[in-house]
Amino acid sequence: MTVIVFGGTGFIGRNVCAALAARGRDVLAVSRTRPAVPVPGAAFAPLDLVRAARDELAGLIRSAGAEAVVNAAGASWQARTEELMTEAHVSLVANLQAALACLGKPPHFVQIGTVHEYGEGRRGSAIDENTPAAATTLYGRSKLAGTKLLLDAAGDGRLDCLVMRVSNVVGAGAPATSLPGRVADLLREAAVTGGPAVLEFGSLDAYRDFVDARDVADAVATAVTTRTCGLLNIGSGRAVRARDLVECLVRLSGVPARIEVAEAAGTGPAGWQLMDVTRARRLLGWAPRRSLEEALQALWAGRRAA
């Protein structure tokens, strides 16, 4: 089986490529620019997925003989403008969908969505696939718009598609825009300079579902093989307080650190996200295997080696 991973040079994409290659798949990683560090186990093709003509994109998929495609491309949740978010999460998806429609028998399509399409959950409750999507951030709303395009096409029989709504991903290569990535960068800097790390936050009261990037990649690799369709939650099934994550990463690093939280923190209700992954267990036979500590260990090992 040949699988194309769009955004295959990014954080999640690299893990997906590795999981597919480990299962004996032929993998083609596609992104705008060639990465400084090659993607292990994958060939590479450069292509701007937003600006490429539909026929050019369809030609790439056809010439690769892809039986499945995975979209792990997108913008950081901290991208500054609505235009950038829309381009990365709506225009890009629409272009991929149009390209697939050009093919006589479109390959199976797996879209990496996000828990942020749901918005905040209700404290103490898990979010399942029947929970109404009520995205509250620009990132979440743009990802949700892309999901709706795909699910509408799948509902009309125009596309064989699975959307995975993934919780907050942790692991080696986590971006600096994420909480774990930011903390790891500050700790690494302190380790180099020899001084204690000063970790300043507005609040660390929110509870989030953090999942190991390797577990996410395993779920994608399984879904590609089983050609599962529809909507699926992928997460750890645990809600962890953000402060506990930070303290765990500090402990694992061994770097002296001082955590400073703004005085205003804790004055409002803490955010809550917890994924119900029952459907993924049933349809994929998948379950998260790695602990948060293992994910943070992989993150820190990657940062130290960088």
Protein backbone atom coordinates (compact mmCIF):
# COMPACT_ATOMS: atom_id res chain seq x y z
CA MET A 1 0.00 0.00 0.00
CA THR A 2 1.20 3.50 -0.88
CA VAL A 3 0.11 6.34 1.40
CA ILE A 4 0.63 10.08 0.84
CA VAL A 5 0.95 12.19 3.99
CA PHE A 6 0.30 15.85 3.29
CA GLY A 7 2.12 17.89 5.90
CA GLY A 8 4.35 14.86 6.36
CA THR A 9 7.33 16.96 7.46
CA GLY A 10 5.51 18.48 10.45
CA PHE A 11 5.18 17.33 14.04
CA ILE A 12 2.20 14.99 13.65
CA GLY A 13 2.99 14.18 10.02
CA ARG A 14 6.45 12.82 10.84
CA ASN A 15 5.01 10.50 13.46
CA VAL A 16 2.35 9.30 11.01
CA CYS A 17 4.99 8.61 8.35
CA ALA A 18 7.04 6.62 10.87
CA ALA A 19 4.04 4.53 11.94
CA LEU A 20 3.07 3.78 8.34
CA ALA A 21 6.63 2.89 7.34
CA ALA A 22 6.90 0.57 10.36
CA ARG A 23 3.87 -1.30 8.99
CA GLY A 24 5.55 -1.79 5.63
CA ARG A 25 3.70 0.96 3.74
CA ASP A 26 5.33 2.98 0.98
CA VAL A 27 5.08 6.56 2.23
CA LEU A 28 5.32 9.86 0.36
CA ALA A 29 5.62 12.97 2.53
CA VAL A 30 4.43 16.18 0.85
CA SER A 31 4.96 19.77 1.99
CA ARG A 32 5.85 23.14 0.54
CA THR A 33 9.57 22.93 1.23
CA ARG A 34 12.10 20.16 1.65
CA PRO A 35 12.82 19.61 5.35
CA ALA A 36 16.29 20.19 6.78
CA VAL A 37 16.02 16.75 8.39
CA PRO A 38 14.64 14.03 6.07
CA VAL A 39 11.52 12.17 7.14
CA PRO A 40 12.66 8.62 8.06
CA GLY A 41 11.04 5.91 6.00
CA ALA A 42 9.41 8.30 3.52
CA ALA A 43 10.10 9.68 0.07
CA PHE A 44 9.49 13.42 -0.36
CA ALA A 45 7.74 15.65 -2.89
CA PRO A 46 7.47 19.45 -2.65
CA LEU A 47 4.05 21.00 -3.34
CA ASP A 48 2.10 23.99 -2.08
CA LEU A 49 -1.28 22.42 -1.36
CA VAL A 50 -3.16 25.71 -1.37
CA ARG A 51 -1.75 27.18 -4.56
CA ALA A 52 -1.27 24.01 -6.59
CA ALA A 53 -3.74 23.56 -9.44
CA ARG A 54 -6.35 20.87 -8.87
CA ASP A 55 -5.04 18.84 -11.80
CA GLU A 56 -1.45 19.09 -10.54
CA LEU A 57 -2.46 17.79 -7.14
CA ALA A 58 -4.58 15.01 -8.67
CA GLY A 59 -1.63 14.10 -10.90
CA LEU A 60 0.66 13.72 -7.90
CA ILE A 61 -1.82 11.40 -6.17
CA ARG A 62 -2.36 9.39 -9.37
CA SER A 63 1.33 9.04 -10.22
CA ALA A 64 2.15 7.87 -6.69
CA GLY A 65 -0.50 5.17 -6.97
CA ALA A 66 -1.79 6.19 -3.55
CA GLU A 67 -4.43 3.97 -1.99
CA ALA A 68 -4.83 6.38 0.91
CA VAL A 69 -4.00 9.99 1.72
CA VAL A 70 -3.61 11.63 5.11
CA ASN A 71 -3.89 15.37 5.67
CA ALA A 72 -1.70 16.41 8.59
CA ALA A 73 -1.04 19.88 7.14
CA GLY A 74 -2.21 23.06 8.80
CA ALA A 75 -1.34 26.26 10.60
CA SER A 76 -0.36 26.71 14.22
CA TRP A 77 -3.25 27.50 16.52
CA GLN A 78 -1.45 30.78 17.25
CA ALA A 79 -1.46 31.94 13.60
CA ARG A 80 -2.31 35.62 13.73
CA THR A 81 -4.93 36.19 11.08
CA GLU A 82 -8.23 34.71 9.96
CA GLU A 83 -6.88 34.70 6.41
CA LEU A 84 -3.99 32.38 7.36
CA MET A 85 -6.28 30.05 9.28
CA THR A 86 -8.82 29.89 6.48
CA GLU A 87 -6.13 29.25 3.89
CA ALA A 88 -4.53 26.45 5.91
CA HIS A 89 -7.67 24.70 7.12
CA VAL A 90 -10.42 25.46 4.62
CA SER A 91 -8.88 26.38 1.25
CA LEU A 92 -6.30 23.59 1.53
CA VAL A 93 -8.97 21.01 2.38
CA ALA A 94 -11.22 22.23 -0.44
CA ASN A 95 -8.33 21.91 -2.91
CA LEU A 96 -7.57 18.37 -1.75
CA GLN A 97 -11.23 17.44 -2.00
CA ALA A 98 -11.46 18.84 -5.54
CA ALA A 99 -8.32 16.98 -6.59
CA LEU A 100 -9.65 13.68 -5.23
CA ALA A 101 -12.90 14.22 -7.13
CA CYS A 102 -10.86 14.23 -10.37
CA LEU A 103 -9.79 10.65 -9.79
CA GLY A 104 -11.89 7.76 -11.04
CA LYS A 105 -11.56 5.89 -7.75
CA PRO A 106 -10.41 8.33 -5.07
CA PRO A 107 -8.14 6.92 -2.38
CA HIS A 108 -9.30 6.73 1.22
CA PHE A 109 -8.88 10.11 2.91
CA VAL A 110 -7.96 10.66 6.58
CA GLN A 111 -8.17 14.21 7.92
CA ILE A 112 -6.41 15.18 11.15
CA GLY A 113 -8.91 17.37 12.96
CA THR A 114 -8.80 18.72 16.50
CA VAL A 115 -10.57 18.61 19.84
CA HIS A 116 -10.78 22.39 19.57
CA GLU A 117 -13.57 21.95 17.03
CA TYR A 118 -15.75 21.02 20.01
CA GLY A 119 -14.76 24.01 22.13
CA GLU A 120 -14.72 23.66 25.91
CA GLY A 121 -16.32 20.62 27.47
CA ARG A 122 -18.46 20.38 30.57
CA ARG A 123 -16.39 19.76 33.68
CA GLY A 124 -16.38 16.11 34.66
CA SER A 125 -17.87 14.95 31.34
CA ALA A 126 -16.26 13.38 28.29
CA ILE A 127 -16.74 14.64 24.74
CA ASP A 128 -17.97 11.99 22.32
CA GLU A 129 -18.61 12.19 18.57
CA ASN A 130 -22.25 13.19 19.13
CA THR A 131 -21.26 16.28 21.11
CA PRO A 132 -22.25 19.41 19.16
CA ALA A 133 -19.22 21.25 17.77
CA ALA A 134 -19.03 24.73 19.31
CA ALA A 135 -15.52 25.97 18.52
CA THR A 136 -14.61 29.13 20.41
CA THR A 137 -11.22 29.95 18.87
CA LEU A 138 -10.23 31.03 15.38
CA TYR A 139 -8.16 27.86 15.08
CA GLY A 140 -11.05 25.64 16.13
CA ARG A 141 -13.58 27.39 13.89
CA SER A 142 -11.38 27.13 10.79
CA LYS A 143 -10.63 23.45 11.44
CA LEU A 144 -14.35 22.84 11.94
CA ALA A 145 -15.14 24.50 8.60
CA GLY A 146 -12.74 22.09 6.87
CA THR A 147 -14.30 19.14 8.67
CA LYS A 148 -17.77 20.17 7.52
CA LEU A 149 -16.61 20.28 3.89
CA LEU A 150 -15.31 16.73 4.13
CA LEU A 151 -18.23 15.25 6.05
CA ASP A 152 -20.68 16.83 3.61
CA ALA A 153 -18.79 15.28 0.68
CA ALA A 154 -18.71 11.92 2.46
CA GLY A 155 -22.43 12.15 3.19
CA ASP A 156 -23.15 12.73 -0.51
CA GLY A 157 -21.01 9.76 -1.50
CA ARG A 158 -18.38 11.95 -3.16
CA LEU A 159 -15.58 11.00 -0.79
CA ASP A 160 -14.43 8.02 1.26
CA CYS A 161 -13.34 9.93 4.33
CA LEU A 162 -12.51 9.76 8.04
CA VAL A 163 -12.04 12.84 10.22
CA MET A 164 -10.05 12.24 13.38
CA ARG A 165 -10.61 14.85 16.06
CA VAL A 166 -7.34 14.64 17.98
CA SER A 167 -6.73 15.98 21.47
CA ASN A 168 -3.63 17.96 22.52
CA VAL A 169 -0.63 16.09 21.10
CA VAL A 170 2.65 15.71 23.03
CA GLY A 171 5.92 14.18 21.93
CA ALA A 172 9.31 14.68 20.30
CA GLY A 173 9.18 17.69 17.99
CA ALA A 174 6.16 19.33 19.63
CA PRO A 175 5.98 22.94 18.35
CA ALA A 176 7.07 25.85 20.52
CA THR A 177 3.54 27.27 20.19
CA SER A 178 2.17 24.42 22.32
CA LEU A 179 2.36 24.48 26.12
CA PRO A 180 4.65 21.42 26.33
CA GLY A 181 6.86 22.69 23.52
CA ARG A 182 7.20 26.14 25.08
CA VAL A 183 8.11 24.70 28.48
CA ALA A 184 10.64 22.32 26.91
CA ASP A 185 12.31 25.19 25.05
CA LEU A 186 12.61 27.29 28.22
CA LEU A 187 14.05 24.36 30.13
CA ARG A 188 16.56 23.61 27.39
CA GLU A 189 17.66 27.25 27.31
CA ALA A 190 18.16 27.21 31.07
CA ALA A 191 20.11 23.95 30.85
CA VAL A 192 22.47 25.56 28.33
CA THR A 193 22.97 28.82 30.23
CA GLY A 194 23.21 27.15 33.62
CA GLY A 195 20.55 29.31 35.24
CA PRO A 196 17.18 28.28 36.61
CA ALA A 197 14.27 28.40 34.17
CA VAL A 198 11.59 30.98 34.86
CA LEU A 199 8.24 29.66 33.59
CA GLU A 200 5.65 32.42 33.45
CA PHE A 201 1.99 31.75 32.66
CA GLY A 202 -1.30 33.55 32.74
CA SER A 203 -2.98 30.45 34.15
CA LEU A 204 -2.35 26.74 34.52
CA ASP A 205 -5.78 25.82 35.85
CA ALA A 206 -7.26 24.34 32.67
CA TYR A 207 -7.69 20.59 32.30
CA ARG A 208 -6.78 19.12 28.93
CA ASP A 209 -6.64 15.70 27.32
CA PHE A 210 -2.98 15.17 26.31
CA VAL A 211 -2.13 12.27 23.98
CA ASP A 212 1.21 10.86 22.85
CA ALA A 213 2.01 11.64 19.21
CA ARG A 214 2.97 8.00 18.64
CA ASP A 215 -0.46 6.85 19.79
CA VAL A 216 -2.07 9.28 17.34
CA ALA A 217 0.14 7.95 14.55
CA ASP A 218 -0.80 4.36 15.40
CA ALA A 219 -4.49 5.29 15.17
CA VAL A 220 -3.96 6.88 11.75
CA ALA A 221 -2.00 3.89 10.46
CA THR A 222 -4.77 1.55 11.58
CA ALA A 223 -7.50 3.73 10.07
CA VAL A 224 -5.70 3.80 6.72
CA THR A 225 -5.70 0.01 6.60
CA THR A 226 -9.29 -0.49 7.77
CA ARG A 227 -10.69 2.35 5.63
CA THR A 228 -12.84 3.50 8.55
CA CYS A 229 -15.12 6.44 7.69
CA GLY A 230 -17.00 9.16 9.53
CA LEU A 231 -15.90 10.99 12.68
CA LEU A 232 -13.62 9.59 15.35
CA ASN A 233 -12.14 10.97 18.58
CA ILE A 234 -8.49 10.24 19.34
CA GLY A 235 -7.14 11.12 22.77
CA SER A 236 -5.84 9.71 26.03
CA GLY A 237 -9.21 9.59 27.74
CA ARG A 238 -7.74 11.49 30.72
CA ALA A 239 -8.09 15.11 31.76
CA VAL A 240 -4.85 16.50 33.20
CA ARG A 241 -4.38 19.91 34.82
CA ALA A 242 -1.95 22.06 32.83
CA ARG A 243 0.12 22.77 35.95
CA ASP A 244 0.59 19.04 36.53
CA LEU A 245 1.95 18.67 32.99
CA VAL A 246 4.41 21.53 33.53
CA GLU A 247 5.58 20.17 36.87
CA CYS A 248 6.05 16.70 35.39
CA LEU A 249 8.17 18.03 32.53
CA VAL A 250 10.30 20.06 34.93
CA ARG A 251 10.87 16.97 37.08
CA LEU A 252 11.81 14.81 34.08
CA SER A 253 14.24 17.43 32.76
CA GLY A 254 16.11 17.80 36.04
CA VAL A 255 16.47 21.52 35.29
CA PRO A 256 15.87 23.88 38.25
CA ALA A 257 12.80 25.96 37.47
CA ARG A 258 10.47 28.49 39.04
CA ILE A 259 6.82 28.46 37.95
CA GLU A 260 5.14 31.87 38.11
CA VAL A 261 1.40 32.24 37.50
CA ALA A 262 -0.35 35.60 37.14
CA GLU A 263 -2.35 36.70 40.16
CA ALA A 264 -5.53 36.80 38.08
CA ALA A 265 -5.29 33.09 37.40
CA GLY A 266 -7.99 30.98 38.96
CA THR A 267 -10.59 33.75 39.19
CA GLY A 268 -12.85 32.15 36.55
CA PRO A 269 -13.95 28.59 35.80
CA ALA A 270 -11.10 26.41 34.59
CA GLY A 271 -11.33 25.07 31.05
CA TRP A 272 -12.02 21.38 30.56
CA GLN A 273 -11.45 18.96 27.68
CA LEU A 274 -11.72 15.19 27.92
CA MET A 275 -12.11 12.88 24.94
CA ASP A 276 -14.34 9.79 24.89
CA VAL A 277 -12.43 7.32 22.69
CA THR A 278 -14.91 4.44 22.95
CA ARG A 279 -15.73 4.56 19.25
CA ALA A 280 -12.06 4.36 18.26
CA ARG A 281 -11.67 1.29 20.46
CA ARG A 282 -14.69 -0.32 18.82
CA LEU A 283 -14.00 0.51 15.18
CA LEU A 284 -10.20 0.43 15.11
CA GLY A 285 -9.34 -1.82 18.01
CA TRP A 286 -7.16 1.12 19.06
CA ALA A 287 -6.45 2.44 22.52
CA PRO A 288 -3.81 4.88 23.83
CA ARG A 289 -0.87 2.84 25.10
CA ARG A 290 1.55 5.48 26.35
CA SER A 291 1.34 7.61 29.46
CA LEU A 292 1.72 11.37 29.58
CA GLU A 293 5.06 10.87 31.31
CA GLU A 294 6.28 8.77 28.38
CA ALA A 295 5.16 11.47 25.94
CA LEU A 296 6.99 14.14 27.95
CA GLN A 297 10.10 11.97 28.15
CA ALA A 298 10.11 11.72 24.35
CA LEU A 299 9.61 15.49 24.07
CA TRP A 300 12.50 16.27 26.41
CA ALA A 301 14.83 13.73 24.78
CA GLY A 302 14.12 15.31 21.41
CA ARG A 303 14.80 18.82 22.70
CA ARG A 304 18.08 17.80 24.36
CA ALA A 305 19.27 16.17 21.14
CA ALA A 306 18.32 19.15 18.94
